[in-house]
Protein backbone atom coordinates (compact mmCIF):
# COMPACT_ATOMS: atom_id res chain seq x y z
CA MET A 1 -125.28 8.67 20.35
CA PRO A 2 -121.74 8.45 19.24
CA GLY A 3 -120.03 5.18 19.81
CA TYR A 4 -123.18 3.22 20.58
CA GLU A 5 -122.72 -0.42 19.57
CA LYS A 6 -125.50 -2.12 21.49
CA LEU A 7 -123.30 -2.53 24.66
CA LEU A 8 -123.03 0.82 26.31
CA PRO A 9 -121.49 1.36 30.06
CA ALA A 10 -123.77 3.24 32.19
CA LYS A 11 -120.97 5.90 32.81
CA GLN A 12 -121.46 7.04 29.13
CA LEU A 13 -125.13 7.38 29.58
CA LEU A 14 -124.97 9.80 32.62
CA ALA A 15 -123.71 12.63 30.42
CA TYR A 16 -127.11 12.49 28.65
CA THR A 17 -129.46 12.10 31.62
CA ASP A 18 -130.46 15.74 32.05
CA ALA A 19 -131.24 16.28 28.41
CA ALA A 20 -133.27 12.98 28.34
CA ILE A 21 -135.22 13.88 31.35
CA GLN A 22 -135.90 17.32 29.77
CA ARG A 23 -137.21 15.82 26.60
CA ALA A 24 -139.42 13.29 28.39
CA ARG A 25 -140.83 16.30 30.42
CA CYS A 26 -141.75 17.95 27.22
CA LEU A 27 -143.30 14.96 25.75
CA ASP A 28 -145.36 14.56 29.07
CA ALA A 29 -146.46 18.12 28.94
CA GLY A 30 -148.05 17.70 25.61
CA THR A 31 -145.49 18.85 22.99
CA PRO A 32 -146.89 18.35 19.48
CA HIS A 33 -146.00 15.09 17.71
CA LYS A 34 -144.87 13.43 21.04
CA ASN A 35 -144.36 9.77 21.50
CA PRO A 36 -146.20 7.95 24.30
CA SER A 37 -144.66 8.78 27.61
CA THR A 38 -143.90 5.95 30.06
CA GLY A 39 -143.04 7.89 33.03
CA VAL A 40 -139.51 6.51 33.11
CA TYR A 41 -137.97 9.88 33.50
CA GLN A 42 -139.74 10.16 36.90
CA LEU A 43 -138.25 6.88 38.00
CA VAL A 44 -134.80 8.17 36.89
CA GLU A 45 -135.16 11.40 38.78
CA SER A 46 -136.34 9.53 41.92
CA LEU A 47 -133.26 7.15 41.69
CA LEU A 48 -130.82 10.09 41.15
CA THR A 49 -132.39 11.97 44.19
CA ASN A 50 -132.30 8.94 46.55
CA ARG A 51 -128.77 8.17 45.39
CA ALA A 52 -127.63 11.75 46.11
CA THR A 53 -129.17 11.75 49.58
CA SER A 54 -128.08 8.12 50.40
CA THR A 55 -124.33 8.97 49.65
CA GLN A 56 -124.20 11.92 51.88
CA PRO A 57 -122.58 11.21 55.27
């Protein structure tokens, strides 16, 4: 990731969220040469969904 220096504001990560979730789904679905999946993408999706619904008036 460009500009990564071990301290990264969360705002910079948001742009990569969708791509990261898609890669994790592929790993979870059995893509060859996958790394172990931790299910973190499911947590992130849940948090994003809850954030979207909790900020609506």
